[in-house]
Every structure is written in structure tokens, then in C-alpha cells.
C-alpha atoms as a PDB file:
ATOM      1  CA  MET A   1      73.702 143.132 120.268  1.00  0.00           C
ATOM      2  CA  LEU A   2      70.920 140.742 119.275  1.00  0.00           C
ATOM      3  CA  ILE A   3      71.396 137.022 120.463  1.00  0.00           C
ATOM      4  CA  LYS A   4      68.188 135.343 120.267  1.00  0.00           C
ATOM      5  CA  THR A   5      68.942 132.155 122.259  1.00  0.00           C
ATOM      6  CA  SER A   6      69.620 131.188 125.705  1.00  0.00           C
ATOM      7  CA  CYS A   7      73.504 131.343 125.407  1.00  0.00           C
ATOM      8  CA  GLN A   8      73.254 135.075 125.269  1.00  0.00           C
ATOM      9  CA  PRO A   9      74.260 135.402 128.975  1.00  0.00           C
ATOM     10  CA  LEU A  10      77.155 133.095 128.469  1.00  0.00           C
ATOM     11  CA  PHE A  11      78.496 134.534 125.367  1.00  0.00           C
ATOM     12  CA  GLU A  12      78.433 137.806 126.954  1.00  0.00           C
ATOM     13  CA  GLY A  13      80.002 136.866 130.033  1.00  0.00           C
ATOM     14  CA  ILE A  14      82.992 135.186 128.138  1.00  0.00           C
ATOM     15  CA  LEU A  15      83.422 138.491 126.063  1.00  0.00           C
ATOM     16  CA  LYS A  16      83.551 140.529 129.207  1.00  0.00           C
ATOM     17  CA  SER A  17      85.767 138.522 131.049  1.00  0.00           C
ATOM     18  CA  THR A  18      88.336 138.803 128.241  1.00  0.00           C
ATOM     19  CA  MET A  19      87.845 142.443 127.440  1.00  0.00           C
ATOM     20  CA  GLY A  20      88.250 145.579 129.686  1.00  0.00           C
ATOM     21  CA  LYS A  21      84.911 147.417 130.409  1.00  0.00           C
ATOM     22  CA  ASN A  22      85.798 150.070 127.890  1.00  0.00           C
ATOM     23  CA  ASP A  23      86.519 147.521 125.208  1.00  0.00           C
ATOM     24  CA  TRP A  24      83.302 145.716 125.994  1.00  0.00           C
ATOM     25  CA  ASN A  25      81.206 148.676 125.768  1.00  0.00           C
ATOM     26  CA  HIS A  26      82.729 149.771 122.445  1.00  0.00           C
ATOM     27  CA  PHE A  27      82.375 146.199 121.127  1.00  0.00           C
ATOM     28  CA  HIS A  28      78.611 146.363 122.284  1.00  0.00           C
ATOM     29  CA  ARG A  29      77.809 149.360 120.552  1.00  0.00           C
ATOM     30  CA  GLN A  30      79.645 148.450 117.210  1.00  0.00           C
ATOM     31  CA  THR A  31      77.986 144.894 116.993  1.00  0.00           C
ATOM     32  CA  LYS A  32      74.446 145.820 118.280  1.00  0.00           C
ATOM     33  CA  SER A  33      71.769 143.961 116.375  1.00  0.00           C
ATOM     34  CA  SER A  34      74.823 142.324 113.981  1.00  0.00           C
ATOM     35  CA  ILE A  35      75.267 138.931 115.804  1.00  0.00           C
ATOM     36  CA  HIS A  36      72.437 136.163 115.149  1.00  0.00           C
ATOM     37  CA  PHE A  37      72.646 132.524 116.195  1.00  0.00           C
ATOM     38  CA  PRO A  38      70.909 129.915 114.091  1.00  0.00           C
ATOM     39  CA  GLU A  39      67.545 128.866 115.600  1.00  0.00           C
ATOM     40  CA  ASN A  40      64.763 126.552 114.665  1.00  0.00           C
ATOM     41  CA  SER A  41      61.180 127.077 115.152  1.00  0.00           C
ATOM     42  CA  THR A  42      61.355 126.363 118.800  1.00  0.00           C
ATOM     43  CA  GLY A  43      63.888 129.196 119.150  1.00  0.00           C
ATOM     44  CA  LYS A  44      66.729 126.722 120.238  1.00  0.00           C
ATOM     45  CA  MET A  45      69.886 126.131 118.623  1.00  0.00           C
ATOM     46  CA  SER A  46      69.643 123.669 115.387  1.00  0.00           C
ATOM     47  CA  SER A  47      71.559 120.466 115.767  1.00  0.00           C
ATOM     48  CA  PRO A  48      73.479 118.653 113.041  1.00  0.00           C
ATOM     49  CA  PRO A  49      71.514 116.376 111.155  1.00  0.00           C
ATOM     50  CA  LYS A  50      70.837 113.044 112.746  1.00  0.00           C
ATOM     51  CA  SER A  51      72.485 109.703 111.169  1.00  0.00           C
ATOM     52  CA  THR A  52      69.741 107.826 109.187  1.00  0.00           C
ATOM     53  CA  THR A  53      72.150 105.715 106.998  1.00  0.00           C
ATOM     54  CA  ILE A  54      75.182 103.488 107.699  1.00  0.00           C
ATOM     55  CA  PRO A  55      78.085 105.003 105.464  1.00  0.00           C
ATOM     56  CA  ASN A  56      79.122 102.887 102.802  1.00  0.00           C
ATOM     57  CA  VAL A  57      81.222 103.027  99.598  1.00  0.00           C
ATOM     58  CA  VAL A  58      79.418 102.715  96.504  1.00  0.00           C
ATOM     59  CA  LYS A  59      82.337 102.471  93.718  1.00  0.00           C
ATOM     60  CA  GLU A  60      86.110 103.204  93.260  1.00  0.00           C
ATOM     61  CA  GLU A  61      87.569 104.568  89.996  1.00  0.00           C
ATOM     62  CA  VAL A  62      91.151 104.839  89.108  1.00  0.00           C
ATOM     63  CA  ILE A  63      92.237 108.143  88.324  1.00  0.00           C
ATOM     64  CA  ALA A  64      95.907 107.477  87.703  1.00  0.00           C
ATOM     65  CA  SER A  65      98.088 104.683  88.535  1.00  0.00           C
ATOM     66  CA  GLY A  66     102.208 104.022  89.079  1.00  0.00           C
ATOM     67  CA  LYS A  67     104.310 101.288  89.984  1.00  0.00           C
ATOM     68  CA  TRP A  68     103.793 101.804  93.800  1.00  0.00           C
ATOM     69  CA  LEU A  69     100.530 104.231  93.951  1.00  0.00           C
ATOM     70  CA  LYS A  70      97.319 104.665  92.266  1.00  0.00           C
ATOM     71  CA  LEU A  71      94.905 107.519  92.844  1.00  0.00           C
ATOM     72  CA  GLU A  72      91.065 106.749  92.823  1.00  0.00           C
ATOM     73  CA  LYS A  73      87.787 108.735  93.045  1.00  0.00           C
ATOM     74  CA  THR A  74      85.787 107.103  95.798  1.00  0.00           C
ATOM     75  CA  THR A  75      82.048 107.418  95.756  1.00  0.00           C
ATOM     76  CA  TYR A  76      80.200 106.993  98.976  1.00  0.00           C
ATOM     77  CA  VAL A  77      77.271 107.644 101.002  1.00  0.00           C
ATOM     78  CA  ASP A  78      77.446 109.700 104.117  1.00  0.00           C
ATOM     79  CA  PRO A  79      75.496 109.135 107.357  1.00  0.00           C
ATOM     80  CA  VAL A  80      72.493 111.160 106.180  1.00  0.00           C
ATOM     81  CA  GLY A  81      72.166 109.523 102.692  1.00  0.00           C
ATOM     82  CA  ASN A  82      74.014 112.008 100.615  1.00  0.00           C
ATOM     83  CA  THR A  83      76.223 110.707  97.819  1.00  0.00           C
ATOM     84  CA  ARG A  84      79.756 112.036  97.848  1.00  0.00           C
ATOM     85  CA  THR A  85      83.256 111.659  96.187  1.00  0.00           C
ATOM     86  CA  TRP A  86      86.641 111.584  97.838  1.00  0.00           C
ATOM     87  CA  GLU A  87      90.044 111.245  96.257  1.00  0.00           C
ATOM     88  CA  THR A  88      91.911 108.472  97.971  1.00  0.00           C
ATOM     89  CA  THR A  89      95.428 107.142  97.352  1.00  0.00           C
ATOM     90  CA  LYS A  90      96.185 103.415  97.797  1.00  0.00           C
ATOM     91  CA  ARG A  91      99.383 101.127  97.370  1.00  0.00           C
ATOM     92  CA  THR A  92      99.435  98.789  94.538  1.00  0.00           C
ATOM     93  CA  THR A  93     101.519  96.442  96.329  1.00  0.00           C
ATOM     94  CA  ARG A  94      99.112  95.194  99.253  1.00  0.00           C
ATOM     95  CA  GLN A  95      99.157  91.419  99.713  1.00  0.00           C
ATOM     96  CA  ALA A  96      95.670  89.525 100.251  1.00  0.00           C
ATOM     97  CA  ASN A  97      94.387  89.439 103.994  1.00  0.00           C
ATOM     98  CA  ALA A  98      97.538  91.576 105.230  1.00  0.00           C
ATOM     99  CA  ALA A  99      98.674  95.133 106.029  1.00  0.00           C
ATOM    100  CA  ASP A 100     100.353  97.113 103.828  1.00  0.00           C
ATOM    101  CA  GLY A 101     103.534  97.038 105.993  1.00  0.00           C
ATOM    102  CA  VAL A 102     105.278  97.093 109.242  1.00  0.00           C
ATOM    103  CA  GLY A 103     106.994  99.437 111.524  1.00  0.00           C
ATOM    104  CA  ILE A 104     109.489  97.972 113.954  1.00  0.00           C
ATOM    105  CA  ILE A 105     110.213  99.209 117.607  1.00  0.00           C
ATOM    106  CA  ALA A 106     113.554  97.737 118.209  1.00  0.00           C
ATOM    107  CA  LEU A 107     115.052  97.623 121.685  1.00  0.00           C
ATOM    108  CA  LEU A 108     118.851  97.234 121.814  1.00  0.00           C
ATOM    109  CA  LYS A 109     119.813  95.450 125.229  1.00  0.00           C
ATOM    110  CA  ARG A 110     123.432  95.276 125.785  1.00  0.00           C
ATOM    111  CA  THR A 111     125.475  94.635 129.335  1.00  0.00           C
ATOM    112  CA  LEU A 112     126.641  97.723 131.017  1.00  0.00           C
ATOM    113  CA  HIS A 113     124.663  99.890 128.652  1.00  0.00           C
ATOM    114  CA  LYS A 114     121.540 101.856 128.764  1.00  0.00           C
ATOM    115  CA  ASP A 115     118.595 100.262 126.477  1.00  0.00           C
ATOM    116  CA  CYS A 116     118.472 101.811 123.297  1.00  0.00           C
ATOM    117  CA  VAL A 117     115.647 102.407 120.625  1.00  0.00           C
ATOM    118  CA  VAL A 118     116.987 101.528 117.191  1.00  0.00           C
ATOM    119  CA  MET A 119     116.039 104.218 114.744  1.00  0.00           C
ATOM    120  CA  VAL A 120     116.663 105.164 111.194  1.00  0.00           C
ATOM    121  CA  LYS A 121     117.238 108.454 109.574  1.00  0.00           C
ATOM    122  CA  GLN A 122     116.851 108.892 105.779  1.00  0.00           C
ATOM    123  CA  PHE A 123     116.049 111.391 102.952  1.00  0.00           C
ATOM    124  CA  ARG A 124     112.162 111.367 101.959  1.00  0.00           C
ATOM    125  CA  PRO A 125     111.553 113.038  98.383  1.00  0.00           C
ATOM    126  CA  PRO A 126     107.972 113.752  99.585  1.00  0.00           C
ATOM    127  CA  ILE A 127     108.916 115.801 102.610  1.00  0.00           C
ATOM    128  CA  GLY A 128     111.954 117.216 100.766  1.00  0.00           C
ATOM    129  CA  CYS A 129     114.356 116.488 103.737  1.00  0.00           C
ATOM    130  CA  CYS A 130     115.558 113.808 106.245  1.00  0.00           C
ATOM    131  CA  THR A 131     112.998 111.996 108.700  1.00  0.00           C
ATOM    132  CA  LEU A 132     113.598 110.149 111.926  1.00  0.00           C
ATOM    133  CA  GLU A 133     111.363 106.941 111.782  1.00  0.00           C
ATOM    134  CA  PHE A 134     111.344 103.493 113.242  1.00  0.00           C
ATOM    135  CA  PRO A 135     112.704 100.834 110.754  1.00  0.00           C
ATOM    136  CA  ALA A 136     109.873  99.949 108.505  1.00  0.00           C
ATOM    137  CA  GLY A 137     108.884  98.415 105.153  1.00  0.00           C
ATOM    138  CA  LEU A 138     106.274  96.555 103.049  1.00  0.00           C
ATOM    139  CA  ILE A 139     105.038  93.115 103.573  1.00  0.00           C
ATOM    140  CA  ASP A 140     106.014  90.806 100.750  1.00  0.00           C
ATOM    141  CA  GLU A 141     104.116  88.096  99.339  1.00  0.00           C
ATOM    142  CA  GLY A 142     103.857  84.971 101.693  1.00  0.00           C
ATOM    143  CA  GLU A 143     105.066  87.044 104.501  1.00  0.00           C
ATOM    144  CA  CYS A 144     103.366  87.627 107.976  1.00  0.00           C
ATOM    145  CA  ALA A 145     104.021  90.795 110.060  1.00  0.00           C
ATOM    146  CA  GLU A 146     106.682  89.004 112.384  1.00  0.00           C
ATOM    147  CA  ILE A 147     108.846  87.798 109.403  1.00  0.00           C
ATOM    148  CA  ALA A 148     108.708  91.025 107.462  1.00  0.00           C
ATOM    149  CA  ALA A 149     109.640  92.879 110.515  1.00  0.00           C
ATOM    150  CA  LEU A 150     112.728  90.856 111.209  1.00  0.00           C
ATOM    151  CA  ARG A 151     113.629  91.049 107.565  1.00  0.00           C
ATOM    152  CA  GLU A 152     113.259  94.974 107.344  1.00  0.00           C
ATOM    153  CA  LEU A 153     115.213  95.365 110.568  1.00  0.00           C
ATOM    154  CA  LYS A 154     118.261  93.113 109.260  1.00  0.00           C
ATOM    155  CA  GLU A 155     118.151  95.064 105.717  1.00  0.00           C
ATOM    156  CA  GLU A 156     117.941  98.561 107.383  1.00  0.00           C
ATOM    157  CA  THR A 157     119.922  98.405 110.373  1.00  0.00           C
ATOM    158  CA  GLY A 158     121.856  95.007 110.275  1.00  0.00           C
ATOM    159  CA  TYR A 159     120.627  93.929 113.634  1.00  0.00           C
ATOM    160  CA  LYS A 160     118.883  90.375 114.317  1.00  0.00           C
ATOM    161  CA  GLY A 161     116.252  90.326 116.736  1.00  0.00           C
ATOM    162  CA  GLU A 162     113.375  88.501 118.349  1.00  0.00           C
ATOM    163  CA  VAL A 163     109.686  89.587 118.094  1.00  0.00           C
ATOM    164  CA  VAL A 164     108.033  90.182 121.437  1.00  0.00           C
ATOM    165  CA  GLY A 165     104.827  91.717 120.330  1.00  0.00           C
ATOM    166  CA  VAL A 166     102.609  92.769 117.506  1.00  0.00           C
ATOM    167  CA  THR A 167      99.889  95.026 117.182  1.00  0.00           C
ATOM    168  CA  PRO A 168      96.587  94.751 115.258  1.00  0.00           C
ATOM    169  CA  VAL A 169      96.376  96.301 111.877  1.00  0.00           C
ATOM    170  CA  THR A 170      96.066  99.992 112.089  1.00  0.00           C
ATOM    171  CA  CYS A 171      95.591 102.935 109.808  1.00  0.00           C
ATOM    172  CA  LEU A 172      98.202 105.480 109.016  1.00  0.00           C
ATOM    173  CA  ASP A 173      96.664 108.441 107.296  1.00  0.00           C
ATOM    174  CA  PRO A 174      92.760 107.526 106.825  1.00  0.00           C
ATOM    175  CA  GLY A 175      91.768 111.090 105.257  1.00  0.00           C
ATOM    176  CA  LEU A 176      94.328 110.539 102.458  1.00  0.00           C
ATOM    177  CA  SER A 177      94.885 106.805 101.830  1.00  0.00           C
ATOM    178  CA  ASN A 178      93.860 103.229 102.893  1.00  0.00           C
ATOM    179  CA  CYS A 179      97.258 102.507 103.840  1.00  0.00           C
ATOM    180  CA  THR A 180      97.593 100.099 106.932  1.00  0.00           C
ATOM    181  CA  THR A 181     100.436  98.934 109.111  1.00  0.00           C
ATOM    182  CA  GLN A 182     101.475  96.557 112.078  1.00  0.00           C
ATOM    183  CA  ILE A 183     103.821  97.665 114.637  1.00  0.00           C
ATOM    184  CA  VAL A 184     106.145  94.823 115.715  1.00  0.00           C
ATOM    185  CA  MET A 185     108.037  94.935 118.875  1.00  0.00           C
ATOM    186  CA  VAL A 186     111.515  93.439 118.822  1.00  0.00           C
ATOM    187  CA  ASN A 187     114.196  92.759 121.324  1.00  0.00           C
ATOM    188  CA  ILE A 188     117.858  92.769 120.346  1.00  0.00           C
ATOM    189  CA  ASN A 189     120.464  91.106 122.204  1.00  0.00           C
ATOM    190  CA  GLY A 190     123.503  93.533 121.666  1.00  0.00           C
ATOM    191  CA  ASP A 191     125.772  91.000 123.116  1.00  0.00           C
ATOM    192  CA  ASP A 192     125.409  88.379 120.693  1.00  0.00           C
ATOM    193  CA  LEU A 193     128.371  88.331 118.256  1.00  0.00           C
ATOM    194  CA  GLU A 194     126.084  88.950 115.120  1.00  0.00           C
ATOM    195  CA  ASN A 195     124.924  92.230 116.949  1.00  0.00           C
ATOM    196  CA  THR A 196     128.187  93.584 118.124  1.00  0.00           C
ATOM    197  CA  ASN A 197     129.161  94.971 114.592  1.00  0.00           C
ATOM    198  CA  PRO A 198     125.968  94.977 112.667  1.00  0.00           C
ATOM    199  CA  THR A 199     126.035  95.162 108.730  1.00  0.00           C
ATOM    200  CA  GLN A 200     123.020  96.697 106.712  1.00  0.00           C
ATOM    201  CA  GLN A 201     121.890  94.707 103.600  1.00  0.00           C
ATOM    202  CA  LEU A 202     120.435  98.036 101.768  1.00  0.00           C
ATOM    203  CA  GLY A 203     119.023  97.756  98.207  1.00  0.00           C
ATOM    204  CA  ASP A 204     119.878  99.967  95.319  1.00  0.00           C
ATOM    205  CA  GLY A 205     118.890 103.363  95.909  1.00  0.00           C
ATOM    206  CA  GLU A 206     118.473 102.939 100.061  1.00  0.00           C
ATOM    207  CA  PHE A 207     120.660 105.363 102.130  1.00  0.00           C
ATOM    208  CA  VAL A 208     119.734 104.756 105.803  1.00  0.00           C
ATOM    209  CA  GLU A 209     121.689 105.994 108.774  1.00  0.00           C
ATOM    210  CA  VAL A 210     121.109 104.150 111.797  1.00  0.00           C
ATOM    211  CA  LEU A 211     120.716 106.010 115.205  1.00  0.00           C
ATOM    212  CA  LEU A 212     120.485 104.529 118.764  1.00  0.00           C
ATOM    213  CA  LEU A 213     118.768 106.658 121.175  1.00  0.00           C
ATOM    214  CA  PRO A 214     118.508 105.833 124.882  1.00  0.00           C
ATOM    215  CA  LEU A 215     115.130 104.878 126.070  1.00  0.00           C
ATOM    216  CA  ASP A 216     115.098 106.965 129.266  1.00  0.00           C
ATOM    217  CA  GLU A 217     116.315 110.050 127.002  1.00  0.00           C
ATOM    218  CA  PHE A 218     114.316 109.267 123.997  1.00  0.00           C
ATOM    219  CA  GLN A 219     111.981 112.180 123.977  1.00  0.00           C
ATOM    220  CA  ARG A 220     115.051 114.822 124.807  1.00  0.00           C
ATOM    221  CA  GLU A 221     117.246 113.081 122.296  1.00  0.00           C
ATOM    222  CA  ILE A 222     114.532 113.904 119.772  1.00  0.00           C
ATOM    223  CA  ASP A 223     114.059 117.434 120.612  1.00  0.00           C
ATOM    224  CA  ASP A 224     117.629 117.909 120.914  1.00  0.00           C
ATOM    225  CA  LEU A 225     117.962 116.502 117.106  1.00  0.00           C
ATOM    226  CA  MET A 226     115.170 118.712 115.595  1.00  0.00           C
ATOM    227  CA  LYS A 227     116.986 121.862 116.967  1.00  0.00           C
ATOM    228  CA  LYS A 228     120.329 120.747 115.334  1.00  0.00           C
ATOM    229  CA  GLU A 229     119.214 119.484 112.111  1.00  0.00           C
ATOM    230  CA  LYS A 230     116.601 120.000 109.642  1.00  0.00           C
ATOM    231  CA  ILE A 231     114.735 116.951 110.000  1.00  0.00           C
ATOM    232  CA  VAL A 232     111.070 115.889 110.411  1.00  0.00           C
ATOM    233  CA  VAL A 233     110.028 113.249 113.038  1.00  0.00           C
ATOM    234  CA  ASP A 234     107.583 110.630 112.168  1.00  0.00           C
ATOM    235  CA  SER A 235     104.375 111.134 114.286  1.00  0.00           C
ATOM    236  CA  LYS A 236     104.470 107.581 115.532  1.00  0.00           C
ATOM    237  CA  VAL A 237     107.926 107.977 116.869  1.00  0.00           C
ATOM    238  CA  TYR A 238     107.115 111.282 118.667  1.00  0.00           C
ATOM    239  CA  ILE A 239     104.006 110.071 120.184  1.00  0.00           C
ATOM    240  CA  TYR A 240     106.145 106.970 121.493  1.00  0.00           C
ATOM    241  CA  GLY A 241     108.530 109.711 122.696  1.00  0.00           C
ATOM    242  CA  MET A 242     105.994 111.199 124.727  1.00  0.00           C
ATOM    243  CA  GLY A 243     104.683 108.006 126.013  1.00  0.00           C
ATOM    244  CA  MET A 244     108.249 107.294 127.311  1.00  0.00           C
ATOM    245  CA  SER A 245     108.736 110.582 128.888  1.00  0.00           C
ATOM    246  CA  GLN A 246     105.341 110.108 130.568  1.00  0.00           C
ATOM    247  CA  ALA A 247     106.113 106.713 132.005  1.00  0.00           C
ATOM    248  CA  PHE A 248     109.860 107.383 133.155  1.00  0.00           C
ATOM    249  CA  PHE A 249     109.516 111.102 134.531  1.00  0.00           C
ATOM    250  CA  LYS A 250     106.185 112.572 134.536  1.00  0.00           C
ATOM    251  CA  PRO A 251     103.583 109.851 135.700  1.00  0.00           C
ATOM    252  CA  ASN A 252     101.373 112.622 136.958  1.00  0.00           C
ATOM    253  CA  GLU A 253     101.560 115.229 133.896  1.00  0.00           C
ATOM    254  CA  LEU A 254     102.043 115.423 130.041  1.00  0.00           C
ATOM    255  CA  ARG A 255     104.176 118.326 129.093  1.00  0.00           C
ATOM    256  CA  VAL A 256     102.150 118.988 126.008  1.00  0.00           C
ATOM    257  CA  LEU A 257      99.226 120.070 128.154  1.00  0.00           C
ATOM    258  CA  LYS A 258     101.129 122.641 130.391  1.00  0.00           C
ATOM    259  CA  GLN A 259      99.941 125.811 129.805  1.00  0.00           C
END
């Protein structure tokens, strides 16, 4: 085996530790003189090119446009000065100086009941099945995130709540789109008469099922639901569940990191 860099001992050590003696000897014979590492004139491993340019977008050209979305070809300059292109999707509904939409983490509080997170389940055509999500929606013209969140919560779930927190503008899927959102935290007084028998105010073509998941069992309830049904969980929801599980039961350990 020919390895022309100082990492040879480390590389061979890793292989030997994962192979038996006979397997290592066989591998060594079969690959002799066939493994090479890139090197520069000094005999050291080559490094990625250093950034010499501030990345920036040069131009955006619309390829196709619909009622809600458009596809653009984005021309940009990368950190080493090369001009490249990217296919980008954008919403056509974005309001000036605002995020595209809001997501709502709504906590239902009732006397003699566990605190519950208000969730929505609905069929999503791009996924081809139902999803479990936080209530959410687009910000309308003239709305701030707080007003949009309370409106969407009322429409999708029937609940009336009080805003207790708002995040900064955050991105959703930056490798695909420029779509942004703000997460709005809302408390719901479940003892209020208006919230004891909430009525949804869904628009035409909206079919939303409301689910109440206990906050202290949030992660388990989600996992059980995924086992019982063909459903995809929104990544924001699952990450929130992991955080709640960590906070309630495993302050010194994250389940996802266990080997």
C-alpha cells in the first residue's frame, strides 16, 4: 500500500482495528500501491481553496410562475470568485418587510388537565400523505406575525389565545427556497368559555384535524402516532419533541445520540 502522507499510520491503525489480522493482510496485499492521497508540492495534504470573495447573488431569472410559487434561476458568485447558478423556488405572496408565514406553538392550559400542545393533522399533496404540524399559515397584507398567528390559530383549530413570545425571522429550507417564518408562542386558557368547545373556521378546500398532545408526553405520543399511521412529522415538531423530552426526562442525555 502506498500512502504518501503523514496520515499513513493513523489510516492503517484504523483499518487494523476494524479488521482481523488475516483480513488486514489480505487487504494490504490486494491494495498495495493502489491507494494515494492528494498532496501538494510540500508533500502535505491539499486544503480547500481559501475564500477570496464575499458570496453574492448577481441576478435572478424567472423560469416558471404559478399562483403561489415561482421557480427562478439564481446566478451567484461563490467564495472563490466562480460564477454559478442555482434553481430557487419562491412564494409569490410575500409581503414587504415580513416573513412569508408563521408557525404557532400553542399550549392549551386547563384546570385539572395536563398542559397540551395543539397540533394539526392534514393531507399534504406534495408529500402524498398526512402530516403532523404546528398550526401555521401565511402572513396577510398589513399583518404582523402576532396577528397572523392568532388569526391562523382561530381558523385552523377554533382556539383563541394570547401571544407570549415571537422568534426572529428564520429560514425553512434554504437549499431549495428563500421561504421564511416566525414561530409564535401562544397560551390558550382552556377554561375560557370560548375555548371549551372551539369551532374551526376553515376555508374552502381545507381539511384539518386538531390533535391535543400532552406536553410531558409529547415525544412518546408522536412516536406512537408514527407507528400507528402513515404520517410524516414536520421536522420542527420533532425537534421540539426532542427538546421537551430532554427537558422533562433526560437532562443529561439525548436519546438520538445513544449508540
